[in-house]
Every structure is written in structure tokens, then in C-alpha cells.
Amino acid sequence: FEVQDDFGRTFFLKNSREMVSVEGANSFRNPPHFMSLLRDETTELDAQQETEATLDAYFYHPNTAPFVALRLIQRLVTSTPSPR
């Protein structure tokens, strides 16, 4: 089915959930895998689209900006400046 997000981007989604069970008690959702094992033009295109979708998910996630800002502050600011 087709979904449009708040930024005007259109996504085509498949309504299915695959579950993996480990030792009967624990289970987790197996993420969809869209790439073929055979190397051809469609595989490379699938890899590019999957990478683009992952980067979009990181870029538009509401916690990305605070996370990156915190890491930049931690790395670029010194807590004990040298005396002059």
C-alpha cells in the first residue's frame, strides 16, 4: 500500500510481519530483506534504494539532531580549558 509522510515523500509498504523464535520463548521481528543473492543491475539498484531508505530514516528521525549535537559537544568542547 502507499503511504505519504509529513515531508511529502511517498513510500510503498508491504503489510507483513515475519517473526523469528529463538528457543521457543524469545521472538523478534525479522526485518525485511529486499536484496537478491545474485549480483546484477537490480541487486545494485536494490542496495542503493535500501541505503537511501536507511539514511532517510536516520535523517528524519526526531532524535537524530539531539544525538548528533550531544556527541559534537562532547567531542569538541573541553571541560578544563588551559590557563593563559
N, C-alpha and C. Protein backbone atom coordinates (compact mmCIF):
# COMPACT_ATOMS: atom_id res chain seq x y z
N PHE A 1 0.82 -1.17 0.00
CA PHE A 1 0.00 0.00 0.00
C PHE A 1 0.87 1.24 0.00
N GLU A 2 0.32 2.36 -0.34
CA GLU A 2 1.05 3.61 -0.50
C GLU A 2 0.82 4.50 0.73
N VAL A 3 1.93 5.09 1.25
CA VAL A 3 1.87 5.96 2.41
C VAL A 3 2.66 7.22 2.10
N GLN A 4 2.13 8.37 2.54
CA GLN A 4 2.84 9.63 2.36
C GLN A 4 3.13 10.20 3.74
N ASP A 5 4.40 10.59 3.99
CA ASP A 5 4.76 11.09 5.31
C ASP A 5 4.57 12.60 5.40
N ASP A 6 4.95 13.17 6.54
CA ASP A 6 4.76 14.60 6.79
C ASP A 6 5.61 15.48 5.88
N PHE A 7 6.66 14.92 5.30
CA PHE A 7 7.56 15.68 4.45
C PHE A 7 7.19 15.58 2.97
N GLY A 8 6.09 14.91 2.66
CA GLY A 8 5.62 14.79 1.28
C GLY A 8 6.24 13.64 0.51
N ARG A 9 7.04 12.81 1.18
CA ARG A 9 7.65 11.66 0.50
C ARG A 9 6.67 10.51 0.45
N THR A 10 6.67 9.75 -0.64
CA THR A 10 5.76 8.62 -0.82
C THR A 10 6.51 7.32 -0.63
N PHE A 11 5.95 6.41 0.17
CA PHE A 11 6.53 5.10 0.40
C PHE A 11 5.52 4.03 0.00
N PHE A 12 6.02 2.92 -0.51
CA PHE A 12 5.18 1.78 -0.82
C PHE A 12 5.55 0.68 0.16
N LEU A 13 4.60 0.27 0.99
CA LEU A 13 4.86 -0.69 2.05
C LEU A 13 4.12 -1.99 1.81
N LYS A 14 4.67 -3.04 2.35
CA LYS A 14 4.05 -4.35 2.28
C LYS A 14 3.57 -4.70 3.69
N ASN A 15 2.35 -5.13 3.79
CA ASN A 15 1.75 -5.41 5.08
C ASN A 15 2.03 -6.85 5.49
N SER A 16 3.21 -7.09 6.05
CA SER A 16 3.53 -8.43 6.52
C SER A 16 4.51 -8.33 7.68
N ARG A 17 4.43 -9.29 8.55
CA ARG A 17 5.36 -9.36 9.69
C ARG A 17 5.93 -10.77 9.73
N GLU A 18 7.24 -10.84 9.74
CA GLU A 18 7.90 -12.13 9.87
C GLU A 18 8.49 -12.21 11.27
N MET A 19 8.18 -13.25 11.99
CA MET A 19 8.69 -13.41 13.34
C MET A 19 9.67 -14.58 13.38
N VAL A 20 10.74 -14.41 14.16
CA VAL A 20 11.74 -15.46 14.36
C VAL A 20 11.70 -15.83 15.83
N SER A 21 11.60 -17.11 16.13
CA SER A 21 11.59 -17.58 17.52
C SER A 21 12.92 -18.23 17.85
N VAL A 22 13.44 -17.90 19.01
CA VAL A 22 14.69 -18.48 19.49
C VAL A 22 14.37 -19.26 20.75
N GLU A 23 14.60 -20.55 20.73
CA GLU A 23 14.36 -21.45 21.85
C GLU A 23 12.92 -21.39 22.34
N GLY A 24 11.99 -21.08 21.48
CA GLY A 24 10.58 -21.14 21.80
C GLY A 24 10.04 -19.98 22.62
N ALA A 25 10.84 -19.41 23.53
CA ALA A 25 10.33 -18.37 24.42
C ALA A 25 10.59 -16.96 23.87
N ASN A 26 11.72 -16.75 23.28
CA ASN A 26 12.09 -15.44 22.78
C ASN A 26 11.78 -15.33 21.29
N SER A 27 11.22 -14.20 20.90
CA SER A 27 10.97 -13.99 19.48
C SER A 27 11.22 -12.53 19.15
N PHE A 28 11.60 -12.28 17.92
CA PHE A 28 11.83 -10.92 17.45
C PHE A 28 11.41 -10.83 16.00
N ARG A 29 11.17 -9.62 15.56
CA ARG A 29 10.74 -9.40 14.18
C ARG A 29 11.96 -9.46 13.27
N ASN A 30 11.86 -10.24 12.24
CA ASN A 30 12.91 -10.35 11.26
C ASN A 30 12.73 -9.22 10.25
N PRO A 31 13.69 -8.30 10.11
CA PRO A 31 13.50 -7.20 9.18
C PRO A 31 13.41 -7.69 7.74
N PRO A 32 12.62 -7.05 6.91
CA PRO A 32 12.52 -7.48 5.51
C PRO A 32 13.85 -7.35 4.79
N HIS A 33 14.12 -8.27 3.91
CA HIS A 33 15.36 -8.29 3.16
C HIS A 33 15.00 -8.24 1.68
N PHE A 34 15.36 -7.17 1.02
CA PHE A 34 14.92 -6.94 -0.35
C PHE A 34 15.97 -7.28 -1.40
N MET A 35 17.16 -7.66 -1.00
CA MET A 35 18.23 -7.87 -1.96
C MET A 35 18.35 -9.34 -2.36
N SER A 36 18.65 -9.55 -3.61
CA SER A 36 18.87 -10.89 -4.12
C SER A 36 20.32 -11.30 -3.86
N LEU A 37 20.57 -12.58 -3.84
CA LEU A 37 21.94 -13.06 -3.68
C LEU A 37 22.72 -13.02 -4.99
N LEU A 38 22.02 -12.90 -6.11
CA LEU A 38 22.67 -12.83 -7.41
C LEU A 38 23.05 -11.38 -7.70
N ARG A 39 24.25 -11.19 -8.22
CA ARG A 39 24.72 -9.84 -8.50
C ARG A 39 24.30 -9.45 -9.92
N ASP A 40 23.45 -8.44 -10.02
CA ASP A 40 23.05 -7.91 -11.30
C ASP A 40 22.61 -6.46 -11.09
N GLU A 41 22.07 -5.84 -12.13
CA GLU A 41 21.69 -4.43 -12.04
C GLU A 41 20.60 -4.19 -11.01
N THR A 42 19.64 -5.10 -10.93
CA THR A 42 18.55 -4.90 -9.97
C THR A 42 19.04 -5.02 -8.53
N THR A 43 20.04 -5.90 -8.29
CA THR A 43 20.59 -6.03 -6.95
C THR A 43 21.28 -4.74 -6.53
N GLU A 44 22.05 -4.15 -7.44
CA GLU A 44 22.71 -2.88 -7.12
C GLU A 44 21.70 -1.77 -6.89
N LEU A 45 20.64 -1.76 -7.69
CA LEU A 45 19.58 -0.76 -7.51
C LEU A 45 18.88 -0.98 -6.18
N ASP A 46 18.62 -2.24 -5.81
CA ASP A 46 18.01 -2.54 -4.52
C ASP A 46 18.90 -2.07 -3.37
N ALA A 47 20.21 -2.29 -3.50
CA ALA A 47 21.13 -1.85 -2.45
C ALA A 47 21.12 -0.34 -2.31
N GLN A 48 21.09 0.37 -3.44
CA GLN A 48 21.04 1.83 -3.38
C GLN A 48 19.74 2.31 -2.74
N GLN A 49 18.63 1.69 -3.10
CA GLN A 49 17.34 2.09 -2.52
C GLN A 49 17.27 1.77 -1.03
N GLU A 50 17.82 0.64 -0.63
CA GLU A 50 17.80 0.27 0.78
C GLU A 50 18.69 1.22 1.59
N THR A 51 19.84 1.58 1.03
CA THR A 51 20.72 2.53 1.70
C THR A 51 20.06 3.90 1.80
N GLU A 52 19.41 4.32 0.74
CA GLU A 52 18.70 5.60 0.73
C GLU A 52 17.58 5.61 1.78
N ALA A 53 16.84 4.53 1.89
CA ALA A 53 15.76 4.44 2.87
C ALA A 53 16.30 4.47 4.29
N THR A 54 17.43 3.80 4.53
CA THR A 54 18.04 3.81 5.86
C THR A 54 18.52 5.20 6.23
N LEU A 55 19.19 5.88 5.31
CA LEU A 55 19.66 7.24 5.57
C LEU A 55 18.50 8.20 5.79
N ASP A 56 17.43 8.04 5.02
CA ASP A 56 16.24 8.87 5.23
C ASP A 56 15.65 8.64 6.61
N ALA A 57 15.61 7.39 7.05
CA ALA A 57 15.06 7.08 8.37
C ALA A 57 15.89 7.74 9.46
N TYR A 58 17.23 7.69 9.32
CA TYR A 58 18.09 8.36 10.30
C TYR A 58 17.93 9.87 10.24
N PHE A 59 17.87 10.42 9.03
CA PHE A 59 17.82 11.87 8.85
C PHE A 59 16.54 12.47 9.39
N TYR A 60 15.41 11.81 9.17
CA TYR A 60 14.12 12.36 9.57
C TYR A 60 13.66 11.90 10.96
N HIS A 61 14.46 11.09 11.66
CA HIS A 61 14.08 10.65 12.99
C HIS A 61 14.21 11.82 13.97
N PRO A 62 13.24 12.00 14.88
CA PRO A 62 13.27 13.17 15.76
C PRO A 62 14.43 13.17 16.76
N ASN A 63 15.06 12.04 17.03
CA ASN A 63 16.16 12.01 17.99
C ASN A 63 17.54 12.18 17.35
N THR A 64 17.61 12.27 16.04
CA THR A 64 18.92 12.36 15.39
C THR A 64 19.63 13.67 15.73
N ALA A 65 18.95 14.80 15.62
CA ALA A 65 19.59 16.10 15.88
C ALA A 65 20.10 16.21 17.31
N PRO A 66 19.30 15.88 18.34
CA PRO A 66 19.84 15.95 19.70
C PRO A 66 21.01 14.99 19.93
N PHE A 67 20.94 13.81 19.32
CA PHE A 67 22.02 12.82 19.47
C PHE A 67 23.32 13.34 18.88
N VAL A 68 23.25 13.85 17.65
CA VAL A 68 24.46 14.36 16.99
C VAL A 68 24.98 15.58 17.72
N ALA A 69 24.09 16.49 18.15
CA ALA A 69 24.52 17.69 18.86
C ALA A 69 25.24 17.33 20.16
N LEU A 70 24.70 16.38 20.91
CA LEU A 70 25.33 15.96 22.15
C LEU A 70 26.72 15.38 21.88
N ARG A 71 26.83 14.53 20.86
CA ARG A 71 28.13 13.93 20.55
C ARG A 71 29.15 14.99 20.09
N LEU A 72 28.70 15.98 19.32
CA LEU A 72 29.61 17.05 18.90
C LEU A 72 30.08 17.87 20.10
N ILE A 73 29.16 18.18 21.00
CA ILE A 73 29.54 18.93 22.20
C ILE A 73 30.53 18.14 23.03
N GLN A 74 30.30 16.85 23.19
CA GLN A 74 31.20 16.01 23.99
C GLN A 74 32.59 15.94 23.38
N ARG A 75 32.68 15.94 22.06
CA ARG A 75 33.99 15.79 21.41
C ARG A 75 34.72 17.11 21.17
N LEU A 76 33.98 18.20 20.98
CA LEU A 76 34.62 19.45 20.57
C LEU A 76 34.80 20.46 21.71
N VAL A 77 34.18 20.21 22.86
CA VAL A 77 34.28 21.15 23.99
C VAL A 77 35.12 20.51 25.08
N THR A 78 36.06 21.28 25.62
CA THR A 78 36.88 20.77 26.72
C THR A 78 36.31 21.27 28.03
N SER A 79 36.32 20.42 29.04
CA SER A 79 35.78 20.79 30.33
C SER A 79 36.79 21.54 31.18
N THR A 80 38.09 21.36 30.90
CA THR A 80 39.13 22.06 31.63
C THR A 80 40.00 22.81 30.64
N PRO A 81 39.65 24.06 30.34
CA PRO A 81 40.46 24.83 29.39
C PRO A 81 41.84 25.14 29.97
N SER A 82 42.80 25.24 29.10
CA SER A 82 44.18 25.51 29.55
C SER A 82 44.28 26.98 29.98
N PRO A 83 45.02 27.26 31.07
CA PRO A 83 45.17 28.65 31.51
C PRO A 83 46.06 29.43 30.55
N ARG A 84 45.76 30.71 30.40
CA ARG A 84 46.57 31.55 29.50
C ARG A 84 47.33 32.58 30.27
